[in-house]
Protein backbone atom coordinates (compact mmCIF):
# COMPACT_ATOMS: atom_id res chain seq x y z
CA UNK A 1 -10.12 28.92 -3.52
CA UNK A 2 -9.20 28.06 0.06
CA UNK A 3 -12.86 27.96 1.03
CA UNK A 4 -13.53 25.51 -1.78
CA UNK A 5 -10.61 23.32 -0.74
CA UNK A 6 -11.85 23.22 2.84
CA UNK A 7 -15.31 22.32 1.57
CA UNK A 8 -13.88 19.40 -0.42
CA UNK A 9 -11.89 18.23 2.62
CA UNK A 10 -15.06 18.32 4.68
CA UNK A 11 -16.86 16.36 1.96
CA UNK A 12 -14.28 13.57 2.17
CA UNK A 13 -14.06 13.76 5.98
CA UNK A 14 -17.74 12.86 6.18
CA UNK A 15 -16.87 9.39 4.87
CA UNK A 16 -13.38 9.19 6.33
CA UNK A 17 -12.80 6.00 8.30
CA UNK A 18 -9.15 5.99 7.18
CA UNK A 19 -8.25 8.36 10.03
CA UNK A 20 -8.48 5.24 12.19
CA UNK A 21 -6.61 2.99 9.74
CA UNK A 22 -4.19 0.83 11.69
CA UNK A 23 -0.94 -0.88 10.82
CA UNK A 24 0.57 -3.94 12.51
CA UNK A 25 3.95 -2.86 13.86
CA UNK A 26 5.92 -5.99 12.90
CA UNK A 27 8.32 -4.36 10.44
CA UNK A 28 8.98 -1.44 12.80
CA UNK A 29 10.57 -3.79 15.32
CA UNK A 30 13.60 -3.75 13.03
CA UNK A 31 13.91 0.04 13.22
CA UNK A 32 16.04 0.35 16.42
CA UNK A 33 18.73 -2.00 15.11
CA UNK A 34 18.90 -0.26 11.74
CA UNK A 35 18.97 3.16 13.37
CA UNK A 36 21.82 2.03 15.61
CA UNK A 37 23.88 1.22 12.51
CA UNK A 38 23.63 4.92 11.62
CA UNK A 39 24.30 6.06 15.20
CA UNK A 40 20.78 7.43 15.66
CA UNK A 41 18.87 6.62 18.89
CA UNK A 42 15.26 5.51 18.51
CA UNK A 43 14.27 8.21 21.00
CA UNK A 44 15.13 10.82 18.37
CA UNK A 45 12.58 9.26 16.04
CA UNK A 46 9.88 9.19 18.70
CA UNK A 47 10.38 12.81 19.72
CA UNK A 48 7.24 14.81 18.97
CA UNK A 49 5.45 11.90 17.28
CA UNK A 50 3.63 10.50 20.35
CA UNK A 51 4.68 6.95 19.46
CA UNK A 52 4.17 4.15 21.97
CA UNK A 53 7.52 2.35 22.59
CA UNK A 54 5.71 -0.95 21.91
CA UNK A 55 5.67 -0.01 18.23
CA UNK A 56 9.39 -0.90 18.17
CA UNK A 57 9.12 -3.94 20.43
CA UNK A 58 5.85 -5.81 19.87
CA UNK A 59 5.13 -7.06 16.33
CA UNK A 60 1.42 -7.38 17.15
CA UNK A 61 1.08 -3.80 18.36
CA UNK A 62 -1.22 -1.64 16.23
CA UNK A 63 -0.59 2.02 15.46
CA UNK A 64 -2.12 4.47 13.00
CA UNK A 65 -0.96 3.85 9.44
CA UNK A 66 -0.14 7.54 9.09
CA UNK A 67 2.08 7.37 12.20
CA UNK A 68 3.99 4.41 10.76
CA UNK A 69 4.66 6.52 7.67
CA UNK A 70 5.86 9.44 9.79
CA UNK A 71 8.25 7.11 11.61
CA UNK A 72 9.79 5.94 8.34
CA UNK A 73 9.98 9.48 7.04
CA UNK A 74 11.68 10.63 10.24
CA UNK A 75 14.13 7.71 10.10
CA UNK A 76 15.17 8.59 6.56
CA UNK A 77 15.71 12.23 7.49
CA UNK A 78 17.62 11.62 10.72
CA UNK A 79 19.92 9.01 9.19
CA UNK A 80 20.40 10.90 5.93
CA UNK A 81 19.62 7.61 4.18
CA UNK A 82 17.09 8.14 1.42
CA UNK A 83 16.64 4.38 1.03
CA UNK A 84 16.01 3.61 4.72
CA UNK A 85 12.73 1.88 3.88
CA UNK A 86 14.48 -0.31 1.34
CA UNK A 87 17.06 -1.42 3.94
CA UNK A 88 14.35 -2.12 6.49
CA UNK A 89 12.29 -4.21 4.09
CA UNK A 90 15.36 -6.08 2.86
CA UNK A 91 15.82 -7.52 6.36
CA UNK A 92 12.39 -9.19 6.47
CA UNK A 93 10.10 -11.65 4.73
CA UNK A 94 6.74 -13.36 5.35
CA UNK A 95 7.82 -14.64 8.76
CA UNK A 96 7.09 -11.26 10.37
CA UNK A 97 3.53 -11.14 9.01
CA UNK A 98 1.90 -13.06 11.83
CA UNK A 99 -0.92 -15.47 11.04
CA UNK A 100 -1.10 -14.55 7.31
CA UNK A 101 2.64 -15.23 7.07
CA UNK A 102 2.26 -18.61 8.74
CA UNK A 103 -0.45 -19.50 6.25
CA UNK A 104 1.88 -18.54 3.40
CA UNK A 105 4.60 -20.81 4.80
CA UNK A 106 2.38 -23.87 4.40
CA UNK A 107 0.47 -23.04 1.22
CA UNK A 108 1.10 -25.59 -1.54
CA UNK A 109 2.27 -23.11 -4.19
CA UNK A 110 3.54 -19.58 -4.45
CA UNK A 111 0.30 -18.54 -6.15
CA UNK A 112 -1.79 -19.95 -3.30
CA UNK A 113 0.45 -18.23 -0.75
CA UNK A 114 0.19 -14.83 -2.43
CA UNK A 115 -3.55 -15.13 -2.99
CA UNK A 116 -4.02 -16.08 0.65
CA UNK A 117 -2.06 -13.07 1.84
CA UNK A 118 -4.03 -10.70 -0.38
CA UNK A 119 -7.22 -12.11 1.13
CA UNK A 120 -5.94 -11.65 4.70
CA UNK A 121 -3.85 -8.50 4.34
CA UNK A 122 -6.38 -6.22 6.02
CA UNK A 123 -5.56 -8.06 9.23
CA UNK A 124 -2.15 -6.34 9.09
CA UNK A 125 -2.73 -3.06 7.29
CA UNK A 126 -5.76 -0.87 6.79
CA UNK A 127 -4.09 2.02 4.99
CA UNK A 128 -2.66 0.32 1.92
CA UNK A 129 -3.54 -2.69 -0.22
CA UNK A 130 -1.50 -5.56 -1.60
CA UNK A 131 -3.08 -7.06 -4.70
CA UNK A 132 -2.40 -9.40 -7.62
CA UNK A 133 -2.96 -8.46 -11.24
CA UNK A 134 -2.81 -11.41 -13.62
CA UNK A 135 -1.99 -11.20 -17.32
CA UNK A 136 -1.55 -13.92 -19.93
CA UNK A 137 2.14 -14.43 -19.21
CA UNK A 138 2.83 -12.37 -16.08
CA UNK A 139 1.48 -11.43 -12.68
CA UNK A 140 2.06 -8.20 -10.75
CA UNK A 141 2.31 -8.17 -6.96
CA UNK A 142 1.14 -4.61 -6.48
CA UNK A 143 1.02 -2.25 -3.53
CA UNK A 144 -1.00 0.94 -3.26
CA UNK A 145 -1.53 3.40 -0.41
CA UNK A 146 -5.10 4.66 -0.11
CA UNK A 147 -5.10 6.29 3.34
CA UNK A 148 -5.26 9.98 2.47
CA UNK A 149 -3.59 10.86 5.80
CA UNK A 150 -0.53 8.75 4.94
CA UNK A 151 3.02 10.06 4.69
CA UNK A 152 6.36 8.45 3.92
CA UNK A 153 5.31 6.95 0.58
CA UNK A 154 8.90 7.08 -0.69
CA UNK A 155 9.92 4.78 2.19
CA UNK A 156 6.85 2.54 2.32
CA UNK A 157 6.91 1.58 -1.37
CA UNK A 158 10.54 0.31 -1.49
CA UNK A 159 10.08 -1.35 1.91
CA UNK A 160 7.14 -3.44 0.72
CA UNK A 161 8.77 -4.34 -2.60
CA UNK A 162 11.98 -5.39 -0.83
CA UNK A 163 9.92 -7.66 1.39
CA UNK A 164 7.97 -8.98 -1.60
CA UNK A 165 11.18 -10.06 -3.28
CA UNK A 166 12.37 -11.78 -0.09
CA UNK A 167 9.01 -13.52 0.30
CA UNK A 168 9.09 -14.90 -3.25
CA UNK A 169 12.64 -16.15 -2.76
CA UNK A 170 12.11 -17.59 0.72
CA UNK A 171 8.87 -19.42 -0.05
CA UNK A 172 10.27 -21.13 -3.13
CA UNK A 173 13.86 -21.57 -2.06
CA UNK A 174 14.96 -19.22 -4.83
CA UNK A 175 13.17 -21.15 -7.59
CA UNK A 176 10.84 -18.22 -8.37
CA UNK A 177 12.39 -14.95 -9.41
CA UNK A 178 11.09 -11.44 -9.93
CA UNK A 179 11.48 -10.40 -13.57
CA UNK A 180 11.06 -6.64 -13.11
CA UNK A 181 10.30 -4.01 -10.45
CA UNK A 182 8.11 -0.95 -10.98
CA UNK A 183 8.07 2.07 -8.66
CA UNK A 184 5.72 5.04 -8.65
CA UNK A 185 8.52 7.36 -7.49
CA UNK A 186 11.23 9.28 -9.31
CA UNK A 187 14.64 7.63 -9.71
CA UNK A 188 16.57 8.05 -6.43
CA UNK A 189 19.77 10.11 -6.33
CA UNK A 190 21.66 6.87 -5.71
CA UNK A 191 19.96 3.87 -7.35
CA UNK A 192 22.78 1.42 -6.53
CA UNK A 193 21.15 0.07 -3.32
CA UNK A 194 18.02 -0.74 -5.34
CA UNK A 195 19.89 -2.69 -7.98
CA UNK A 196 22.01 -4.41 -5.33
CA UNK A 197 18.97 -5.78 -3.51
CA UNK A 198 16.61 -6.55 -6.36
CA UNK A 199 19.05 -7.86 -8.96
CA UNK A 200 16.43 -7.30 -11.65
CA UNK A 201 15.47 -4.50 -14.05
CA UNK A 202 13.93 -1.55 -12.19
CA UNK A 203 11.64 1.05 -13.73
CA UNK A 204 10.88 4.29 -11.90
CA UNK A 205 8.26 6.92 -12.72
CA UNK A 206 5.63 4.23 -13.22
CA UNK A 207 1.91 4.52 -12.53
CA UNK A 208 2.02 1.48 -10.24
CA UNK A 209 4.38 0.03 -7.65
CA UNK A 210 4.74 -3.71 -8.10
CA UNK A 211 6.93 -6.75 -8.64
CA UNK A 212 6.45 -8.51 -11.98
CA UNK A 213 6.71 -12.30 -12.09
CA UNK A 214 6.35 -14.71 -14.99
CA UNK A 215 2.91 -16.21 -14.46
CA UNK A 216 4.32 -19.74 -14.52
CA UNK A 217 6.16 -18.92 -11.28
CA UNK A 218 2.85 -19.03 -9.41
CA UNK A 219 2.98 -22.82 -9.73
CA UNK A 220 6.32 -23.03 -7.93
CA UNK A 221 5.93 -25.23 -4.82
CA UNK A 222 6.45 -23.69 -1.40
CA UNK A 223 9.41 -25.42 0.19
CA UNK A 224 8.84 -27.09 3.56
CA UNK A 225 5.07 -26.61 3.30
CA UNK A 226 3.11 -29.15 5.33
CA UNK A 227 -0.51 -29.93 4.52
CA UNK A 228 -1.16 -30.94 8.13
CA UNK A 229 0.02 -27.54 9.34
CA UNK A 230 -2.10 -25.78 6.74
CA UNK A 231 -5.12 -27.72 7.99
CA UNK A 232 -4.28 -26.81 11.59
CA UNK A 233 -4.10 -23.13 10.68
CA UNK A 234 -7.37 -23.10 8.77
CA UNK A 235 -9.58 -22.64 11.84
CA UNK A 236 -7.65 -19.80 13.56
CA UNK A 237 -7.17 -18.08 10.19
CA UNK A 238 -10.90 -18.25 9.45
CA UNK A 239 -11.74 -16.94 12.92
CA UNK A 240 -9.25 -14.10 12.66
CA UNK A 241 -10.43 -13.18 9.19
CA UNK A 242 -14.06 -13.17 10.30
CA UNK A 243 -13.23 -10.97 13.29
CA UNK A 244 -11.20 -8.57 11.16
CA UNK A 245 -13.90 -8.27 8.52
CA UNK A 246 -16.65 -7.90 11.09
CA UNK A 247 -14.83 -4.98 12.68
CA UNK A 248 -14.30 -3.13 9.40
CA UNK A 249 -17.04 -0.94 7.96
CA UNK A 250 -18.00 -1.47 4.34
CA UNK A 251 -16.56 1.92 3.46
CA UNK A 252 -13.13 0.67 4.56
CA UNK A 253 -13.49 -2.58 2.60
CA UNK A 254 -14.42 -0.66 -0.53
CA UNK A 255 -11.52 1.74 -0.12
CA UNK A 256 -9.12 -1.18 0.37
CA UNK A 257 -10.22 -2.88 -2.86
CA UNK A 258 -10.40 0.23 -5.05
CA UNK A 259 -6.83 0.49 -6.41
CA UNK A 260 -6.75 -2.78 -8.38
CA UNK A 261 -10.18 -2.02 -9.83
CA UNK A 262 -8.89 1.36 -10.98
CA UNK A 263 -5.91 -0.27 -12.64
CA UNK A 264 -8.20 -2.75 -14.39
CA UNK A 265 -10.39 0.10 -15.63
CA UNK A 266 -13.38 -1.18 -13.61
CA UNK A 267 -14.10 1.43 -10.92
CA UNK A 268 -17.83 0.68 -10.85
CA UNK A 269 -20.31 -0.31 -8.19
CA UNK A 270 -21.02 -3.55 -10.05
CA UNK A 271 -17.35 -4.53 -10.26
CA UNK A 272 -16.75 -3.68 -6.60
CA UNK A 273 -19.83 -5.62 -5.52
CA UNK A 274 -18.68 -8.69 -7.46
CA UNK A 275 -15.23 -8.40 -5.86
CA UNK A 276 -16.84 -8.33 -2.41
CA UNK A 277 -19.26 -11.17 -3.25
CA UNK A 278 -22.31 -8.92 -3.00
CA UNK A 279 -24.96 -7.68 -5.36
CA UNK A 280 -24.62 -4.06 -6.45
CA UNK A 281 -27.89 -3.28 -4.69
CA UNK A 282 -26.69 -4.80 -1.41
CA UNK A 283 -23.38 -2.93 -1.56
CA UNK A 284 -25.18 0.35 -2.20
CA UNK A 285 -27.49 -0.30 0.74
CA UNK A 286 -24.67 -1.19 3.12
CA UNK A 287 -22.69 1.89 2.18
CA UNK A 288 -25.81 4.01 2.60
CA UNK A 289 -26.31 2.58 6.10
CA UNK A 290 -22.84 3.96 6.93
CA UNK A 291 -23.70 7.34 5.41
CA UNK A 292 -21.50 6.79 2.37
CA UNK A 293 -21.76 6.52 -1.40
CA UNK A 294 -19.58 4.55 -3.77
CA UNK A 295 -18.89 7.56 -6.00
CA UNK A 296 -17.55 9.62 -3.10
CA UNK A 297 -15.24 6.80 -2.00
CA UNK A 298 -14.04 6.43 -5.59
CA UNK A 299 -13.28 10.15 -5.77
CA UNK A 300 -11.39 10.03 -2.47
CA UNK A 301 -9.14 7.17 -3.60
CA UNK A 302 -8.61 8.80 -6.99
CA UNK A 303 -7.68 12.08 -5.33
CA UNK A 304 -5.18 10.34 -3.02
CA UNK A 305 -3.63 8.39 -5.91
CA UNK A 306 -3.52 11.47 -8.13
CA UNK A 307 -1.66 13.53 -5.53
CA UNK A 308 0.81 10.69 -4.96
CA UNK A 309 1.61 10.39 -8.67
CA UNK A 310 1.78 14.15 -9.16
CA UNK A 311 4.11 14.64 -6.20
CA UNK A 312 6.35 11.59 -6.46
CA UNK A 313 6.66 11.01 -10.23
CA UNK A 314 7.21 12.93 -13.45
CA UNK A 315 4.39 11.13 -15.26
CA UNK A 316 2.52 13.33 -17.76
CA UNK A 317 -0.94 14.42 -16.65
CA UNK A 318 -2.51 12.34 -19.41
CA UNK A 319 -0.78 9.18 -18.17
CA UNK A 320 -2.01 9.83 -14.64
CA UNK A 321 -5.53 10.25 -15.99
CA UNK A 322 -5.32 6.84 -17.68
CA UNK A 323 -3.90 5.24 -14.51
CA UNK A 324 -6.97 6.48 -12.63
CA UNK A 325 -9.35 5.05 -15.26
CA UNK A 326 -10.34 8.30 -16.90
CA UNK A 327 -11.13 7.97 -20.59
CA UNK A 328 -9.20 11.12 -21.42
CA UNK A 329 -7.06 13.94 -20.04
CA UNK A 330 -9.83 16.56 -19.75
CA UNK A 331 -12.22 14.72 -17.37
CA UNK A 332 -9.35 14.12 -14.94
CA UNK A 333 -8.31 17.78 -15.00
CA UNK A 334 -11.92 18.79 -14.40
CA UNK A 335 -12.24 16.34 -11.50
CA UNK A 336 -8.96 17.45 -9.91
CA UNK A 337 -10.00 21.09 -10.18
CA UNK A 338 -13.23 20.14 -8.41
CA UNK A 339 -11.29 18.38 -5.63
CA UNK A 340 -8.45 20.84 -5.08
CA UNK A 341 -9.68 24.06 -6.61
CA UNK A 342 -6.76 24.19 -9.08
CA UNK A 343 -5.63 22.10 -12.09
CA UNK A 344 -3.25 19.17 -11.43
CA UNK A 345 -0.37 20.87 -13.28
CA UNK A 346 -0.68 23.93 -11.03
CA UNK A 347 -0.88 21.75 -7.92
CA UNK A 348 2.24 19.83 -8.97
CA UNK A 349 4.21 23.01 -9.71
CA UNK A 350 3.23 24.55 -6.37
CA UNK A 351 4.22 21.46 -4.40
CA UNK A 352 7.46 20.62 -6.18
CA UNK A 353 10.34 20.63 -3.72
CA UNK A 354 8.10 21.68 -0.85
CA UNK A 355 7.73 18.34 1.00
CA UNK A 356 8.35 18.75 4.71
CA UNK A 357 8.90 16.23 7.45
CA UNK A 358 5.80 14.19 8.21
CA UNK A 359 3.74 16.02 5.60
CA UNK A 360 0.67 14.23 4.27
CA UNK A 361 -0.59 14.61 0.71
CA UNK A 362 -3.04 17.34 1.71
CA UNK A 363 -4.98 19.35 -0.88
């Protein structure tokens, strides 16, 4: 079994650009102050992690996404605060997001601001994706980690949702409100900090982490937005976006866009190509030029998402299968056995209660 697992890891490693996935350090600049409130020095967090001090000082500093997760995980453990990520996110909004945040500040509506950030988010993070899912009467601001080296999911997910709530409030002056919060983690031992910050119904053990808004809220005007400033930002934003996209391989772009397609039940080459404004043939060729195939990238993202849901939630196996766009329970179990060498129920039972500091969701 171990030999098979190593073979599967090697199969994914062949296409693995996520080992170099970077995260803008902006939110980590709030870590020293929050640690100080718990009497924990930042040096204790850095010990053994090989973290550049600039990660806590320079919002534009870039560090591996997996390292950012290890920092949050270490912070939660050293402070004894299981909701450290929530507290950190609650102290910030779009103003720490650099150029994408500036663009949001001057977008005409909340919907335009959120859509713009989704389009530019890879400038800030290459290990997780922010996306919008629109329904007839609601929209979900979703967040999904796809870097298979990532750790600290239980801190990252509340952090991003806390910021999302602040962004919605700040951009609209409180006119737009989140109707409901969904988290793909188990209910925390103490949920009171969650309810205190969000002030909205919260559902845990969900297949997706996201903030649910009434769709009409997308039309809420952004307060203090200036069209002249938006026009001034258009050129540097376009240049930065072009540079960011040009530096990212197509494998990374596909991985970044996979989660929302899975949730929509459209994990196909054609759907991905349309999302990336390419023909299916062109996408296949560009992936091939990088030594990759769409199906392998799809399996990698599915495997990462499956392990996250198995480890962090109590969702039934059948529900996880549906969340990953499998038509039924059996094909998912067969796929997971192919990836990990054991069925998902066995993997979950073996890993329950075994999470260790800085541990990634390894096979």
